[in-house]
Amino acid sequence: MAGVQRTIKRNGRDGIYNVLYAMEAAQRLAADLYYPGCLSLKRKHAAADSLAAWVRPARMRSAHTRRRWTATEDRILLKLNSPTGAAEALGRTPQSCNLRMWRLRSGQVPLPSEQ
């Protein structure tokens, strides 16, 4: 509903589920649940209204949605054999390229077919 996936498990004390949403995902969820004129407790609606006013601090990094690797990118990565060089060519971070290269070489993910 809010565009993010959460791992949900029961808490240890009383075995109930406590679901946590934060930042923009929490704002989207609160806006869906506590729309103007909805039937709700006043304190809950007030909390949702205050959440709507939250703004990401300028220095806070925003997590990006995952960008899947394609077979073409895998071939380029393996051909260049350099995480730094591949990062520039593919518009990815060197760490991302380094990790993908390790996963390809260690068999964690299948090698791209030769096409």
C-alpha atoms as a PDB file:
ATOM      1  CA  MET A   1       0.000   0.000   0.000  1.00  0.00           C
ATOM      2  CA  ALA A   2       2.733   2.466   0.959  1.00  0.00           C
ATOM      3  CA  GLY A   3       5.251   1.310  -1.643  1.00  0.00           C
ATOM      4  CA  VAL A   4       7.689  -0.436   0.696  1.00  0.00           C
ATOM      5  CA  GLN A   5       8.005  -4.009   1.861  1.00  0.00           C
ATOM      6  CA  ARG A   6       8.411  -4.753   5.555  1.00  0.00           C
ATOM      7  CA  THR A   7       9.442  -7.828   7.472  1.00  0.00           C
ATOM      8  CA  ILE A   8       6.740  -8.421  10.025  1.00  0.00           C
ATOM      9  CA  LYS A   9       7.029 -10.673  13.073  1.00  0.00           C
ATOM     10  CA  ARG A  10       5.359 -10.938  16.470  1.00  0.00           C
ATOM     11  CA  ASN A  11       6.921  -9.094  19.400  1.00  0.00           C
ATOM     12  CA  GLY A  12       8.491 -11.146  22.176  1.00  0.00           C
ATOM     13  CA  ARG A  13       6.481  -9.847  25.118  1.00  0.00           C
ATOM     14  CA  ASP A  14       2.882 -10.547  24.143  1.00  0.00           C
ATOM     15  CA  GLY A  15       3.011 -12.083  20.695  1.00  0.00           C
ATOM     16  CA  ILE A  16       1.270  -9.285  18.793  1.00  0.00           C
ATOM     17  CA  TYR A  17       2.359  -7.612  15.590  1.00  0.00           C
ATOM     18  CA  ASN A  18       3.865  -4.124  15.743  1.00  0.00           C
ATOM     19  CA  VAL A  19       4.355  -2.731  12.263  1.00  0.00           C
ATOM     20  CA  LEU A  20       6.689   0.234  11.798  1.00  0.00           C
ATOM     21  CA  TYR A  21       6.539   2.675   8.933  1.00  0.00           C
ATOM     22  CA  ALA A  22       8.836   5.689   8.819  1.00  0.00           C
ATOM     23  CA  MET A  23       9.459   8.841   6.798  1.00  0.00           C
ATOM     24  CA  GLU A  24       7.685   9.178   3.432  1.00  0.00           C
ATOM     25  CA  ALA A  25       6.175   5.692   3.622  1.00  0.00           C
ATOM     26  CA  ALA A  26       4.573   6.607   6.960  1.00  0.00           C
ATOM     27  CA  GLN A  27       3.223   9.820   5.460  1.00  0.00           C
ATOM     28  CA  ARG A  28       1.616   7.943   2.559  1.00  0.00           C
ATOM     29  CA  LEU A  29       0.091   5.348   4.864  1.00  0.00           C
ATOM     30  CA  ALA A  30      -1.240   7.959   7.334  1.00  0.00           C
ATOM     31  CA  ALA A  31      -2.761   9.962   4.470  1.00  0.00           C
ATOM     32  CA  ASP A  32      -4.575   6.834   3.223  1.00  0.00           C
ATOM     33  CA  LEU A  33      -5.835   5.857   6.678  1.00  0.00           C
ATOM     34  CA  TYR A  34      -6.638   9.293   8.159  1.00  0.00           C
ATOM     35  CA  TYR A  35      -8.191  11.207   5.284  1.00  0.00           C
ATOM     36  CA  PRO A  36     -10.283  14.340   5.982  1.00  0.00           C
ATOM     37  CA  GLY A  37     -13.607  13.428   7.562  1.00  0.00           C
ATOM     38  CA  CYS A  38     -12.719   9.803   8.355  1.00  0.00           C
ATOM     39  CA  LEU A  39     -14.010   8.153  11.503  1.00  0.00           C
ATOM     40  CA  SER A  40     -11.044   8.023  13.897  1.00  0.00           C
ATOM     41  CA  LEU A  41      -9.870   8.880  17.381  1.00  0.00           C
ATOM     42  CA  LYS A  42      -8.974  12.571  17.628  1.00  0.00           C
ATOM     43  CA  ARG A  43      -5.516  11.833  19.000  1.00  0.00           C
ATOM     44  CA  LYS A  44      -4.767   9.434  16.132  1.00  0.00           C
ATOM     45  CA  HIS A  45      -5.975  11.923  13.532  1.00  0.00           C
ATOM     46  CA  ALA A  46      -3.868  14.667  15.181  1.00  0.00           C
ATOM     47  CA  ALA A  47      -0.805  12.411  15.058  1.00  0.00           C
ATOM     48  CA  ALA A  48      -1.432  11.723  11.364  1.00  0.00           C
ATOM     49  CA  ASP A  49      -1.779  15.452  10.697  1.00  0.00           C
ATOM     50  CA  SER A  50       1.513  16.185  12.445  1.00  0.00           C
ATOM     51  CA  LEU A  51       3.191  13.426  10.444  1.00  0.00           C
ATOM     52  CA  ALA A  52       2.030  15.077   7.224  1.00  0.00           C
ATOM     53  CA  ALA A  53       4.085  18.147   8.147  1.00  0.00           C
ATOM     54  CA  TRP A  54       7.340  16.151   8.399  1.00  0.00           C
ATOM     55  CA  VAL A  55       9.996  17.118   5.846  1.00  0.00           C
ATOM     56  CA  ARG A  56      13.142  15.122   5.164  1.00  0.00           C
ATOM     57  CA  PRO A  57      16.152  17.028   6.530  1.00  0.00           C
ATOM     58  CA  ALA A  58      18.424  18.373   3.797  1.00  0.00           C
ATOM     59  CA  ARG A  59      21.362  16.221   4.888  1.00  0.00           C
ATOM     60  CA  MET A  60      19.337  12.993   5.197  1.00  0.00           C
ATOM     61  CA  ARG A  61      20.011  10.599   2.353  1.00  0.00           C
ATOM     62  CA  SER A  62      16.974   9.160   0.609  1.00  0.00           C
ATOM     63  CA  ALA A  63      17.014   5.428  -0.082  1.00  0.00           C
ATOM     64  CA  HIS A  64      16.593   4.642  -3.739  1.00  0.00           C
ATOM     65  CA  THR A  65      14.449   1.896  -5.130  1.00  0.00           C
ATOM     66  CA  ARG A  66      16.346  -1.182  -6.162  1.00  0.00           C
ATOM     67  CA  ARG A  67      17.563  -1.250  -9.752  1.00  0.00           C
ATOM     68  CA  ARG A  68      17.800  -4.803 -11.057  1.00  0.00           C
ATOM     69  CA  TRP A  69      20.828  -5.979 -12.987  1.00  0.00           C
ATOM     70  CA  THR A  70      20.315  -6.968 -16.624  1.00  0.00           C
ATOM     71  CA  ALA A  71      22.235  -9.613 -18.548  1.00  0.00           C
ATOM     72  CA  THR A  72      23.750  -6.839 -20.697  1.00  0.00           C
ATOM     73  CA  GLU A  73      25.034  -5.035 -17.602  1.00  0.00           C
ATOM     74  CA  ASP A  74      26.451  -8.305 -16.271  1.00  0.00           C
ATOM     75  CA  ARG A  75      28.348  -8.864 -19.530  1.00  0.00           C
ATOM     76  CA  ILE A  76      29.740  -5.302 -19.459  1.00  0.00           C
ATOM     77  CA  LEU A  77      30.786  -5.726 -15.826  1.00  0.00           C
ATOM     78  CA  LEU A  78      32.605  -8.982 -16.537  1.00  0.00           C
ATOM     79  CA  LYS A  79      34.201  -7.629 -19.716  1.00  0.00           C
ATOM     80  CA  LEU A  80      35.565  -4.502 -18.016  1.00  0.00           C
ATOM     81  CA  ASN A  81      36.705  -6.546 -14.991  1.00  0.00           C
ATOM     82  CA  SER A  82      36.899  -3.359 -12.919  1.00  0.00           C
ATOM     83  CA  PRO A  83      34.208  -2.279 -10.458  1.00  0.00           C
ATOM     84  CA  THR A  84      35.313   1.358 -10.758  1.00  0.00           C
ATOM     85  CA  GLY A  85      35.333   1.346 -14.562  1.00  0.00           C
ATOM     86  CA  ALA A  86      32.044  -0.520 -14.719  1.00  0.00           C
ATOM     87  CA  ALA A  87      30.478   1.908 -12.240  1.00  0.00           C
ATOM     88  CA  GLU A  88      31.208   4.807 -14.595  1.00  0.00           C
ATOM     89  CA  ALA A  89      30.015   2.907 -17.665  1.00  0.00           C
ATOM     90  CA  LEU A  90      26.819   1.608 -16.046  1.00  0.00           C
ATOM     91  CA  GLY A  91      25.849   4.559 -13.847  1.00  0.00           C
ATOM     92  CA  ARG A  92      26.151   2.496 -10.667  1.00  0.00           C
ATOM     93  CA  THR A  93      28.311   2.712  -7.563  1.00  0.00           C
ATOM     94  CA  PRO A  94      31.670   0.925  -7.412  1.00  0.00           C
ATOM     95  CA  GLN A  95      30.414  -0.997  -4.343  1.00  0.00           C
ATOM     96  CA  SER A  96      27.361  -2.193  -6.268  1.00  0.00           C
ATOM     97  CA  CYS A  97      29.560  -3.336  -9.174  1.00  0.00           C
ATOM     98  CA  ASN A  98      32.033  -5.020  -6.826  1.00  0.00           C
ATOM     99  CA  LEU A  99      29.274  -6.941  -5.057  1.00  0.00           C
ATOM    100  CA  ARG A 100      27.630  -7.985  -8.338  1.00  0.00           C
ATOM    101  CA  MET A 101      30.975  -9.150  -9.719  1.00  0.00           C
ATOM    102  CA  TRP A 102      31.528 -11.282  -6.610  1.00  0.00           C
ATOM    103  CA  ARG A 103      28.029 -12.744  -6.883  1.00  0.00           C
ATOM    104  CA  LEU A 104      28.585 -13.642 -10.537  1.00  0.00           C
ATOM    105  CA  ARG A 105      31.999 -15.219  -9.929  1.00  0.00           C
ATOM    106  CA  SER A 106      30.964 -17.122  -6.810  1.00  0.00           C
ATOM    107  CA  GLY A 107      27.855 -18.584  -8.435  1.00  0.00           C
ATOM    108  CA  GLN A 108      25.436 -16.664  -6.205  1.00  0.00           C
ATOM    109  CA  VAL A 109      23.705 -15.527  -9.428  1.00  0.00           C
ATOM    110  CA  PRO A 110      23.916 -17.222 -12.837  1.00  0.00           C
ATOM    111  CA  LEU A 111      26.310 -15.894 -15.436  1.00  0.00           C
ATOM    112  CA  PRO A 112      24.634 -14.135 -18.380  1.00  0.00           C
ATOM    113  CA  SER A 113      24.137 -16.191 -21.506  1.00  0.00           C
ATOM    114  CA  GLU A 114      26.327 -15.334 -24.487  1.00  0.00           C
ATOM    115  CA  GLN A 115      24.081 -13.399 -26.875  1.00  0.00           C
END
